[in-house]
């Protein structure tokens, strides 16, 4: 399975695909990713640029075993990553894209359906 592309935080639309790529790895190898901490540290290894600068202060505190610490909670990590680097309003963006979605004259229905499903 392919490792996720590095995420630098400069392109909000890449936040979701980064998280989804990580989740595919986790689901494919549950023995190595049974703990949230392992998931967060794995994902962190693919952060570069602005995103890496954001996570740096948390990495200096890895000894902290508090389950509510960012590096010990996948949900918190995912939420913070989306808050800081994702689209500020994904729902509104998806609604606008749905409104403008049209099947191309010479297009195939499966492409239209694929585009539609990616937005809902």
Protein backbone atom coordinates (compact mmCIF):
# COMPACT_ATOMS: atom_id res chain seq x y z
CA UNK A 1 0.00 0.00 0.00
CA UNK A 2 1.28 3.44 -0.96
CA UNK A 3 2.30 5.83 1.81
CA UNK A 4 0.43 9.15 2.01
CA UNK A 5 1.81 12.13 0.12
CA UNK A 6 3.54 14.63 2.38
CA UNK A 7 1.19 17.34 3.58
CA UNK A 8 2.43 20.91 3.95
CA UNK A 9 -0.82 22.65 4.89
CA UNK A 10 -0.81 25.11 1.98
CA UNK A 11 -3.62 23.46 -0.01
CA UNK A 12 -6.80 23.02 2.05
CA UNK A 13 -8.33 20.55 -0.40
CA UNK A 14 -5.46 18.12 0.28
CA UNK A 15 -6.21 17.81 4.01
CA UNK A 16 -9.01 15.28 3.54
CA UNK A 17 -7.06 13.12 1.08
CA UNK A 18 -4.07 13.13 3.44
CA UNK A 19 -6.22 11.88 6.34
CA UNK A 20 -7.95 9.31 4.12
CA UNK A 21 -4.60 7.98 2.90
CA UNK A 22 -3.46 7.57 6.49
CA UNK A 23 -6.70 5.81 7.43
CA UNK A 24 -6.26 3.33 4.57
CA UNK A 25 -2.85 2.44 5.98
CA UNK A 26 -4.31 2.05 9.48
CA UNK A 27 -7.14 -0.19 8.29
CA UNK A 28 -4.77 -2.28 6.20
CA UNK A 29 -2.37 -2.85 9.12
CA UNK A 30 -4.43 -2.83 12.34
CA UNK A 31 -1.75 -4.63 14.37
CA UNK A 32 0.73 -1.80 13.91
CA UNK A 33 -1.87 0.94 14.32
CA UNK A 34 -3.98 -0.27 17.22
CA UNK A 35 -3.26 2.81 19.35
CA UNK A 36 -4.07 6.43 18.52
CA UNK A 37 -0.53 7.46 19.42
CA UNK A 38 0.89 5.20 16.68
CA UNK A 39 -1.53 6.70 14.16
CA UNK A 40 -0.69 10.29 15.08
CA UNK A 41 3.06 9.71 15.02
CA UNK A 42 2.80 7.96 11.64
CA UNK A 43 0.78 10.81 10.14
CA UNK A 44 3.13 13.35 11.72
CA UNK A 45 6.06 11.81 9.85
CA UNK A 46 4.45 13.00 6.59
CA UNK A 47 3.95 16.62 7.67
CA UNK A 48 6.26 19.19 6.11
CA UNK A 49 6.46 22.98 5.91
CA UNK A 50 3.73 24.88 7.78
CA UNK A 51 2.09 21.67 8.96
CA UNK A 52 5.39 20.40 10.42
CA UNK A 53 5.93 23.71 12.23
CA UNK A 54 2.46 23.38 13.75
CA UNK A 55 3.19 19.92 15.18
CA UNK A 56 6.74 20.64 16.44
CA UNK A 57 5.77 21.89 19.93
CA UNK A 58 3.71 18.74 20.52
CA UNK A 59 6.62 16.48 19.57
CA UNK A 60 8.79 17.93 22.31
CA UNK A 61 6.22 16.62 24.80
CA UNK A 62 5.97 12.98 23.67
CA UNK A 63 6.53 11.67 27.20
CA UNK A 64 3.13 13.08 28.18
CA UNK A 65 0.76 10.13 28.55
CA UNK A 66 -2.38 12.23 28.90
CA UNK A 67 -4.94 10.61 26.56
CA UNK A 68 -6.25 14.08 25.68
CA UNK A 69 -2.87 15.23 24.36
CA UNK A 70 -2.76 15.80 20.63
CA UNK A 71 -0.18 13.08 20.01
CA UNK A 72 -2.30 10.54 21.93
CA UNK A 73 -5.65 11.20 20.23
CA UNK A 74 -6.26 10.53 16.54
CA UNK A 75 -9.64 12.31 16.66
CA UNK A 76 -8.06 15.42 18.15
CA UNK A 77 -5.18 15.33 15.66
CA UNK A 78 -7.60 14.97 12.74
CA UNK A 79 -9.87 17.73 14.04
CA UNK A 80 -6.98 20.16 14.61
CA UNK A 81 -5.49 19.42 11.20
CA UNK A 82 -8.83 20.17 9.50
CA UNK A 83 -9.40 23.28 11.61
CA UNK A 84 -5.99 24.73 10.80
CA UNK A 85 -5.37 23.50 7.26
CA UNK A 86 -8.64 22.26 5.76
CA UNK A 87 -11.44 24.16 4.07
CA UNK A 88 -13.11 26.43 6.58
CA UNK A 89 -16.52 25.37 5.39
CA UNK A 90 -16.43 22.08 3.50
CA UNK A 91 -20.22 21.78 3.52
CA UNK A 92 -20.72 25.14 1.82
CA UNK A 93 -17.99 24.35 -0.70
CA UNK A 94 -19.55 20.94 -1.51
CA UNK A 95 -23.00 22.53 -1.87
CA UNK A 96 -21.64 25.06 -4.36
CA UNK A 97 -19.90 22.33 -6.33
CA UNK A 98 -23.10 20.23 -6.33
CA UNK A 99 -25.06 23.21 -7.63
CA UNK A 100 -22.66 23.62 -10.53
CA UNK A 101 -22.26 19.89 -11.28
CA UNK A 102 -23.43 19.03 -14.77
CA UNK A 103 -22.98 16.00 -16.94
CA UNK A 104 -20.85 16.85 -19.95
CA UNK A 105 -22.53 16.42 -23.32
CA UNK A 106 -20.08 13.76 -24.48
CA UNK A 107 -19.38 12.58 -20.92
CA UNK A 108 -19.99 9.22 -19.40
CA UNK A 109 -22.58 8.73 -16.70
CA UNK A 110 -20.11 6.87 -14.48
CA UNK A 111 -17.89 9.98 -14.38
CA UNK A 112 -20.85 12.14 -13.40
CA UNK A 113 -21.86 9.65 -10.69
CA UNK A 114 -18.28 9.52 -9.42
CA UNK A 115 -18.12 13.33 -9.21
CA UNK A 116 -21.49 13.41 -7.46
CA UNK A 117 -20.52 10.77 -4.88
CA UNK A 118 -17.28 12.55 -4.07
CA UNK A 119 -19.30 15.62 -3.07
CA UNK A 120 -21.96 13.97 -0.89
